[in-house]
């Protein structure tokens, strides 16, 4: 297979473009230093260090020598086993949908006449039809917007119609996927709807459902399927409810995503740099200070103040902070789930188990190695929450670890 096809396949399996190229080259070389890798690929050498570190954390490559650092690639079948299962499930779901649609089409007993099911496979009125659906909605409108369609919806006359629907009390839910260049459209849509960012693999098509009886599948500007069929809408709606369980609700993040342009630009441009800096601090923390609580407290303060220079943390509610921390961890590819019970003052942090995490726990550290979790703990401390106990539970069957922390709050 040519290099371009291999790297595109790796991207489809979840790697970023540069990660895919570095991983492919490392497999070809078998074992290599950063310098050797850089001579075989187009990735800037200074980025390769950061990419290898991320791939190592993800278990995709392994450091085998330290002087000089040499890396090997982990077996592709092992690395992408989970991603392949996800792709298989996605294909099986699509097949079920096609079979279901075919059954509806062939079912002569359905109430709707075939002539009411209209196809625009070669037409140029895809977004005109979408505008018509939006304008005719009176009870609810659910929109699953693919990354390539969300900007078109958020920056057009469709958005103005959504504003009018929102003022009329029409329920509007938007489901989408996080892509950095789409952060502004996502933020804009939070003004007129509830926005859920999905953890599932992104769809290429968009899906629109309205008032329980009509909808549209959008493939591109020139190809879509418009349908009026209650059973079909019910089927797709049930699918959305399943997706919603595995999503992040951005409804509480208006003040983060919709902050003024200068602050937002700072957040976008500095996010990767901040993460690298925080990661460096944490590495030094774990390796050199022997878990000294006083020093940890000082560094937690530095982390908090650094992020507070970009986002007004002190003005945000606890619920907003939890959503922010979830958003930050998700946007950097970390699978972390966080919840807080106000009644019991209990914080639950769920992270995937890994040998690295096991080693950290055995060394006496009772927090996941994430800078964002440290920021959350510092926020709680500054709001008067005092940590009392920590319980760590490893759910071996599910492959997750729960850090359960109990607090009391100062009056």
Protein backbone atom coordinates (compact mmCIF):
# COMPACT_ATOMS: atom_id res chain seq x y z
CA UNK A 1 0.00 0.00 0.00
CA UNK A 2 1.28 3.50 -0.77
CA UNK A 3 2.23 5.73 2.15
CA UNK A 4 -0.68 8.15 1.68
CA UNK A 5 -3.29 5.38 1.90
CA UNK A 6 -1.65 3.88 4.98
CA UNK A 7 -1.59 7.22 6.79
CA UNK A 8 -5.19 8.02 5.83
CA UNK A 9 -6.25 4.65 7.26
CA UNK A 10 -4.35 5.40 10.48
CA UNK A 11 -6.12 8.75 10.74
CA UNK A 12 -9.47 6.99 10.30
CA UNK A 13 -8.44 4.76 13.22
CA UNK A 14 -7.94 7.76 15.48
CA UNK A 15 -4.41 9.12 14.98
CA UNK A 16 -3.61 12.71 14.06
CA UNK A 17 -1.89 13.33 10.71
CA UNK A 18 1.64 13.76 12.12
CA UNK A 19 1.13 10.86 14.53
CA UNK A 20 0.14 8.61 11.63
CA UNK A 21 3.25 9.50 9.65
CA UNK A 22 5.62 9.04 12.62
CA UNK A 23 4.04 5.68 13.52
CA UNK A 24 4.25 4.44 9.91
CA UNK A 25 7.91 5.43 9.63
CA UNK A 26 8.76 3.83 12.97
CA UNK A 27 7.17 0.56 11.88
CA UNK A 28 9.24 0.62 8.70
CA UNK A 29 12.48 1.34 10.60
CA UNK A 30 11.76 -1.19 13.35
CA UNK A 31 13.69 0.76 15.98
CA UNK A 32 14.87 4.34 15.68
CA UNK A 33 15.92 7.62 17.29
CA UNK A 34 14.17 10.93 16.72
CA UNK A 35 16.89 11.93 14.27
CA UNK A 36 16.48 8.73 12.27
CA UNK A 37 12.71 9.17 12.18
CA UNK A 38 13.02 12.81 11.06
CA UNK A 39 15.10 11.82 8.03
CA UNK A 40 12.30 9.55 6.78
CA UNK A 41 9.26 11.80 7.20
CA UNK A 42 8.03 15.35 6.67
CA UNK A 43 7.19 16.05 10.32
CA UNK A 44 9.33 18.85 11.80
CA UNK A 45 11.94 17.36 14.12
CA UNK A 46 10.95 19.52 17.09
CA UNK A 47 7.38 18.14 16.86
CA UNK A 48 8.50 14.52 16.74
CA UNK A 49 9.56 14.62 20.41
CA UNK A 50 6.09 15.71 21.49
CA UNK A 51 4.37 13.25 19.16
CA UNK A 52 6.45 10.30 20.40
CA UNK A 53 5.69 11.27 23.99
CA UNK A 54 1.94 11.26 23.26
CA UNK A 55 2.17 7.97 21.37
CA UNK A 56 4.14 6.46 24.25
CA UNK A 57 1.48 7.53 26.73
CA UNK A 58 -1.17 5.97 24.52
CA UNK A 59 0.76 2.67 24.37
CA UNK A 60 1.34 2.99 20.63
CA UNK A 61 5.14 3.20 20.80
CA UNK A 62 7.64 2.24 23.48
CA UNK A 63 10.90 3.80 24.66
CA UNK A 64 13.55 1.05 24.66
CA UNK A 65 16.72 3.04 25.31
CA UNK A 66 17.28 6.36 27.06
CA UNK A 67 20.78 7.38 25.85
CA UNK A 68 20.10 8.17 23.11
CA UNK A 69 16.35 7.69 23.20
CA UNK A 70 15.27 4.90 20.87
CA UNK A 71 11.70 3.89 20.15
CA UNK A 72 9.88 0.89 18.73
CA UNK A 73 6.31 0.70 17.44
CA UNK A 74 3.85 -1.56 19.24
CA UNK A 75 2.06 -4.21 17.10
CA UNK A 76 -0.70 -2.62 14.98
CA UNK A 77 -3.14 -5.46 15.72
CA UNK A 78 -2.78 -4.75 19.43
CA UNK A 79 -2.79 -0.97 19.11
CA UNK A 80 -5.87 -0.69 16.91
CA UNK A 81 -7.91 -3.61 18.22
CA UNK A 82 -10.37 -1.29 20.00
CA UNK A 83 -10.58 1.14 17.06
CA UNK A 84 -11.28 -1.70 14.63
CA UNK A 85 -14.09 -2.94 16.87
CA UNK A 86 -15.55 0.59 16.88
CA UNK A 87 -15.38 0.73 13.07
CA UNK A 88 -17.06 -2.66 12.89
CA UNK A 89 -19.87 -1.49 15.17
CA UNK A 90 -20.25 1.64 13.07
CA UNK A 91 -20.55 -0.47 9.90
CA UNK A 92 -23.04 -2.83 11.56
CA UNK A 93 -25.16 0.13 12.72
CA UNK A 94 -25.14 1.62 9.22
CA UNK A 95 -26.13 -1.76 7.76
CA UNK A 96 -29.05 -2.00 10.21
CA UNK A 97 -30.19 1.48 9.21
CA UNK A 98 -30.06 0.62 5.49
CA UNK A 99 -31.98 -2.61 6.08
CA UNK A 100 -34.54 -0.73 8.14
CA UNK A 101 -35.00 1.92 5.45
CA UNK A 102 -35.31 -0.76 2.77
CA UNK A 103 -38.00 -2.53 4.79
CA UNK A 104 -39.93 0.72 5.16
CA UNK A 105 -39.64 1.36 1.45
CA UNK A 106 -40.93 -2.09 0.54
CA UNK A 107 -43.67 -2.13 3.18
CA UNK A 108 -46.90 -1.53 1.29
CA UNK A 109 -48.89 -1.12 4.50
CA UNK A 110 -47.17 2.03 5.69
CA UNK A 111 -49.40 5.09 6.02
CA UNK A 112 -47.34 7.47 3.94
CA UNK A 113 -47.43 7.40 0.16
CA UNK A 114 -44.12 6.67 -1.62
CA UNK A 115 -44.44 9.94 -3.48
CA UNK A 116 -43.97 11.78 -0.21
CA UNK A 117 -40.47 10.31 0.19
CA UNK A 118 -38.38 12.58 -2.02
CA UNK A 119 -34.72 12.17 -2.98
CA UNK A 120 -32.24 14.90 -3.87
CA UNK A 121 -29.21 12.81 -4.70
CA UNK A 122 -28.06 15.12 -7.52
CA UNK A 123 -29.87 18.32 -6.59
CA UNK A 124 -28.28 21.57 -5.44
CA UNK A 125 -30.91 22.49 -2.86
CA UNK A 126 -29.57 20.56 0.14
CA UNK A 127 -29.32 23.55 2.49
CA UNK A 128 -32.45 25.18 1.05
CA UNK A 129 -34.34 22.07 2.09
CA UNK A 130 -32.70 22.19 5.52
CA UNK A 131 -33.78 25.82 5.88
CA UNK A 132 -37.34 24.75 5.04
CA UNK A 133 -37.28 22.07 7.76
CA UNK A 134 -35.97 24.56 10.32
CA UNK A 135 -38.60 27.16 9.47
CA UNK A 136 -41.44 24.61 9.70
CA UNK A 137 -40.39 23.19 13.10
CA UNK A 138 -42.87 23.96 15.86
CA UNK A 139 -42.06 21.51 18.70
CA UNK A 140 -38.50 20.22 18.43
CA UNK A 141 -35.50 20.12 16.13
CA UNK A 142 -32.62 17.66 16.56
CA UNK A 143 -29.51 18.13 14.41
CA UNK A 144 -26.51 15.79 14.21
CA UNK A 145 -23.99 18.02 12.43
CA UNK A 146 -20.81 16.51 11.02
CA UNK A 147 -17.59 18.56 11.46
CA UNK A 148 -17.71 19.67 7.82
CA UNK A 149 -21.33 20.93 8.03
CA UNK A 150 -21.50 22.68 11.41
CA UNK A 151 -19.82 25.91 10.26
CA UNK A 152 -22.27 26.16 7.35
CA UNK A 153 -25.20 25.97 9.77
CA UNK A 154 -23.71 28.33 12.39
CA UNK A 155 -22.71 31.04 9.91
CA UNK A 156 -25.73 31.33 7.62
CA UNK A 157 -29.36 32.35 7.50
CA UNK A 158 -30.13 28.98 9.14
CA UNK A 159 -28.62 30.28 12.37
CA UNK A 160 -30.92 33.33 12.28
CA UNK A 161 -33.93 31.02 11.91
CA UNK A 162 -32.68 28.93 14.84
CA UNK A 163 -32.60 32.09 16.97
CA UNK A 164 -36.27 32.73 16.18
CA UNK A 165 -37.20 29.12 16.99
CA UNK A 166 -35.35 29.32 20.30
CA UNK A 167 -37.26 32.48 21.27
CA UNK A 168 -40.53 30.67 20.46
CA UNK A 169 -39.59 27.87 22.87
CA UNK A 170 -38.88 25.18 20.28
CA UNK A 171 -36.57 22.52 21.75
CA UNK A 172 -33.30 22.55 19.74
CA UNK A 173 -30.55 19.98 20.34
CA UNK A 174 -27.31 19.91 18.36
CA UNK A 175 -25.01 16.87 18.38
CA UNK A 176 -21.52 17.21 16.95
CA UNK A 177 -17.86 16.28 17.35
CA UNK A 178 -14.97 18.39 18.65
CA UNK A 179 -12.64 19.67 15.92
CA UNK A 180 -10.47 22.65 16.88
CA UNK A 181 -11.37 24.75 13.85
CA UNK A 182 -15.06 24.31 14.72
CA UNK A 183 -14.84 25.67 18.27
CA UNK A 184 -16.36 29.00 17.20
CA UNK A 185 -19.39 27.45 15.42
CA UNK A 186 -19.93 25.18 18.44
CA UNK A 187 -19.76 28.18 20.74
CA UNK A 188 -22.17 30.16 18.59
CA UNK A 189 -24.75 27.39 18.51
CA UNK A 190 -24.78 27.24 22.34
CA UNK A 191 -26.62 30.57 22.15
CA UNK A 192 -29.66 28.99 20.49
CA UNK A 193 -29.56 25.30 21.46
CA UNK A 194 -28.22 22.62 23.73
CA UNK A 195 -24.97 21.35 22.22
CA UNK A 196 -23.71 17.83 22.90
CA UNK A 197 -20.17 16.91 21.86
CA UNK A 198 -20.07 13.22 21.03
CA UNK A 199 -17.33 10.74 21.92
CA UNK A 200 -18.33 8.36 19.12
CA UNK A 201 -16.42 8.31 15.77
CA UNK A 202 -17.49 11.28 13.64
CA UNK A 203 -20.08 10.80 10.91
CA UNK A 204 -19.48 12.04 7.38
CA UNK A 205 -23.19 12.85 6.98
CA UNK A 206 -25.49 15.12 8.98
CA UNK A 207 -28.95 14.16 10.25
CA UNK A 208 -31.89 16.53 10.87
CA UNK A 209 -35.09 15.47 12.69
CA UNK A 210 -38.13 17.69 13.20
CA UNK A 211 -41.43 17.40 15.07
CA UNK A 212 -41.50 13.59 15.01
CA UNK A 213 -42.45 13.19 11.36
CA UNK A 214 -39.83 14.63 9.01
CA UNK A 215 -36.09 14.79 8.56
CA UNK A 216 -33.10 14.96 6.25
CA UNK A 217 -29.85 13.09 5.74
CA UNK A 218 -27.21 15.46 4.34
CA UNK A 219 -24.16 14.06 2.57
CA UNK A 220 -22.90 17.24 0.86
CA UNK A 221 -24.25 20.37 -0.83
CA UNK A 222 -25.52 18.34 -3.78
CA UNK A 223 -26.71 15.14 -2.16
CA UNK A 224 -29.27 14.55 0.58
CA UNK A 225 -32.36 12.51 1.38
CA UNK A 226 -35.45 14.30 2.64
CA UNK A 227 -38.12 12.12 4.24
CA UNK A 228 -41.53 12.35 5.88
CA UNK A 229 -42.01 9.19 7.89
CA UNK A 230 -42.88 8.94 11.57
CA UNK A 231 -41.35 5.48 12.08
CA UNK A 232 -38.08 6.55 10.51
CA UNK A 233 -37.90 9.64 12.74
CA UNK A 234 -38.66 7.55 15.82
CA UNK A 235 -35.87 5.14 14.91
CA UNK A 236 -33.30 7.90 14.45
CA UNK A 237 -34.47 9.69 17.60
CA UNK A 238 -33.85 6.55 19.67
CA UNK A 239 -30.34 6.41 18.18
CA UNK A 240 -29.73 10.00 19.30
CA UNK A 241 -30.79 9.23 22.84
CA UNK A 242 -28.14 6.50 22.88
CA UNK A 243 -25.48 8.91 21.57
CA UNK A 244 -26.42 11.50 24.18
CA UNK A 245 -25.33 9.17 26.98
CA UNK A 246 -21.76 9.26 25.60
CA UNK A 247 -21.53 13.02 25.11
CA UNK A 248 -20.41 16.20 26.84
CA UNK A 249 -23.15 18.78 27.41
CA UNK A 250 -21.86 22.21 26.38
CA UNK A 251 -24.95 24.02 27.68
CA UNK A 252 -23.01 25.24 30.75
CA UNK A 253 -19.98 26.36 28.75
CA UNK A 254 -21.46 29.49 27.13
CA UNK A 255 -19.24 31.82 29.08
CA UNK A 256 -16.15 29.76 28.15
CA UNK A 257 -16.82 29.24 24.45
CA UNK A 258 -18.52 32.62 23.92
CA UNK A 259 -15.98 34.77 25.74
CA UNK A 260 -14.50 37.69 23.83
CA UNK A 261 -12.37 36.93 20.79
CA UNK A 262 -9.06 37.89 22.42
CA UNK A 263 -9.51 35.45 25.30
CA UNK A 264 -10.76 32.73 22.99
CA UNK A 265 -7.78 33.18 20.67
CA UNK A 266 -5.47 32.91 23.66
CA UNK A 267 -7.16 29.70 24.74
CA UNK A 268 -6.91 28.13 21.28
CA UNK A 269 -3.34 29.23 20.55
CA UNK A 270 -1.96 28.43 23.99
CA UNK A 271 -3.82 25.22 24.79
CA UNK A 272 -1.17 22.89 23.36
CA UNK A 273 1.67 24.97 24.83
CA UNK A 274 -0.02 25.06 28.23
CA UNK A 275 -0.56 21.32 28.14
CA UNK A 276 3.11 20.68 27.34
CA UNK A 277 4.18 23.01 30.12
CA UNK A 278 1.79 21.46 32.65
CA UNK A 279 2.91 18.00 31.65
CA UNK A 280 6.53 19.00 32.24
CA UNK A 281 5.66 20.39 35.66
CA UNK A 282 3.83 17.20 36.62
CA UNK A 283 6.67 14.98 35.43
CA UNK A 284 9.12 16.93 37.57
CA UNK A 285 6.62 16.83 40.42
CA UNK A 286 6.23 13.06 40.41
CA UNK A 287 9.88 12.26 39.83
CA UNK A 288 11.73 14.74 42.01
CA UNK A 289 9.76 15.99 45.01
CA UNK A 290 8.84 12.64 46.56
CA UNK A 291 5.13 13.58 46.78
CA UNK A 292 5.75 16.53 49.15
CA UNK A 293 2.26 17.91 49.84
CA UNK A 294 3.49 21.45 50.45
CA UNK A 295 5.25 21.62 47.09
CA UNK A 296 2.31 19.94 45.35
CA UNK A 297 0.05 22.63 46.80
CA UNK A 298 2.31 25.39 45.45
CA UNK A 299 2.43 23.86 41.97
CA UNK A 300 -1.35 23.37 41.95
CA UNK A 301 -1.63 27.10 42.65
CA UNK A 302 0.69 27.89 39.73
CA UNK A 303 -1.34 25.69 37.39
CA UNK A 304 -4.58 27.34 38.46
CA UNK A 305 -3.27 30.90 38.14
CA UNK A 306 -1.83 30.13 34.71
CA UNK A 307 -5.17 28.96 33.32
CA UNK A 308 -7.04 31.71 35.19
CA UNK A 309 -5.10 34.23 33.11
CA UNK A 310 -7.02 32.91 30.08
CA UNK A 311 -10.40 31.90 31.56
CA UNK A 312 -12.25 33.61 34.48
CA UNK A 313 -12.21 30.50 36.70
CA UNK A 314 -13.14 32.25 39.95
CA UNK A 315 -16.37 33.58 38.44
CA UNK A 316 -17.56 30.18 37.23
CA UNK A 317 -19.92 27.78 39.00
CA UNK A 318 -18.75 24.36 40.12
CA UNK A 319 -20.89 22.75 37.43
CA UNK A 320 -19.27 24.94 34.77
CA UNK A 321 -15.80 24.08 36.07
CA UNK A 322 -16.58 20.35 35.89
CA UNK A 323 -17.72 20.77 32.28
CA UNK A 324 -14.63 22.83 31.48
CA UNK A 325 -12.25 20.22 32.91
CA UNK A 326 -14.10 17.49 31.01
CA UNK A 327 -13.85 19.56 27.81
CA UNK A 328 -10.12 20.20 28.26
CA UNK A 329 -9.30 16.54 28.93
CA UNK A 330 -11.50 15.40 26.02
CA UNK A 331 -10.03 17.91 23.56
CA UNK A 332 -6.55 16.53 24.29
CA UNK A 333 -7.62 12.92 23.78
CA UNK A 334 -7.94 11.83 27.43
CA UNK A 335 -10.81 9.58 28.47
CA UNK A 336 -11.75 11.09 31.83
CA UNK A 337 -15.23 11.26 33.36
CA UNK A 338 -15.86 13.57 36.31
CA UNK A 339 -18.90 13.99 38.55
CA UNK A 340 -19.54 15.80 41.84
CA UNK A 341 -22.38 15.27 44.29
CA UNK A 342 -23.16 18.51 46.10
CA UNK A 343 -25.28 16.72 48.69
CA UNK A 344 -22.58 14.25 49.76
CA UNK A 345 -19.62 16.48 48.77
CA UNK A 346 -18.18 13.57 46.79
CA UNK A 347 -15.98 13.85 43.70
CA UNK A 348 -15.69 10.82 41.40
CA UNK A 349 -12.99 10.74 38.69
CA UNK A 350 -13.08 7.81 36.27
CA UNK A 351 -10.02 7.07 34.11
CA UNK A 352 -8.95 4.05 32.03
CA UNK A 353 -6.58 1.69 33.83
CA UNK A 354 -3.00 1.48 32.59
CA UNK A 355 0.29 0.09 33.94
CA UNK A 356 1.53 3.68 34.30
CA UNK A 357 -1.50 4.57 36.43
CA UNK A 358 -0.96 1.46 38.53
CA UNK A 359 2.61 2.54 39.24
CA UNK A 360 1.50 6.04 40.23
CA UNK A 361 -1.09 4.66 42.66
CA UNK A 362 1.47 2.28 44.18
CA UNK A 363 3.77 5.26 44.75
CA UNK A 364 1.12 6.88 46.92
CA UNK A 365 -0.33 9.46 44.53
CA UNK A 366 -4.12 9.59 44.89
CA UNK A 367 -4.94 11.64 41.78
CA UNK A 368 -4.79 10.79 38.06
CA UNK A 369 -1.71 12.35 36.40
CA UNK A 370 -3.67 15.09 34.66
CA UNK A 371 -2.93 18.81 35.07
CA UNK A 372 -6.61 19.59 34.60
CA UNK A 373 -7.56 17.43 37.59
CA UNK A 374 -5.05 19.39 39.67
CA UNK A 375 -6.72 22.60 38.54
CA UNK A 376 -10.10 21.20 39.62
CA UNK A 377 -8.72 20.33 43.05
CA UNK A 378 -7.27 23.82 43.43
CA UNK A 379 -10.63 25.35 42.43
CA UNK A 380 -12.38 23.28 45.11
CA UNK A 381 -9.79 24.31 47.72
CA UNK A 382 -10.25 27.99 46.90
CA UNK A 383 -14.03 27.61 47.13
CA UNK A 384 -13.76 26.25 50.67
CA UNK A 385 -13.86 22.49 50.03
CA UNK A 386 -11.48 20.52 52.26
CA UNK A 387 -10.52 16.98 51.23
CA UNK A 388 -11.21 14.34 53.88
CA UNK A 389 -10.71 10.87 52.40
CA UNK A 390 -9.78 9.21 49.11
CA UNK A 391 -10.90 5.77 47.95
CA UNK A 392 -9.43 4.18 44.81
CA UNK A 393 -11.37 1.34 43.16
CA UNK A 394 -10.10 -0.67 40.18
CA UNK A 395 -12.91 -2.17 38.10
CA UNK A 396 -10.87 -4.85 36.34
CA UNK A 397 -13.69 -6.19 34.19
CA UNK A 398 -14.43 -2.73 32.72
CA UNK A 399 -10.81 -1.56 32.64
CA UNK A 400 -11.44 1.62 34.65
CA UNK A 401 -10.23 3.12 37.93
CA UNK A 402 -12.38 5.35 40.16
CA UNK A 403 -10.81 7.99 42.40
CA UNK A 404 -13.50 8.83 44.95
CA UNK A 405 -12.79 11.88 47.12
CA UNK A 406 -14.96 13.09 50.00
CA UNK A 407 -14.94 16.74 51.09
CA UNK A 408 -16.34 19.01 53.75
CA UNK A 409 -17.06 22.65 52.98
CA UNK A 410 -16.11 25.51 55.21
CA UNK A 411 -19.04 27.76 56.16
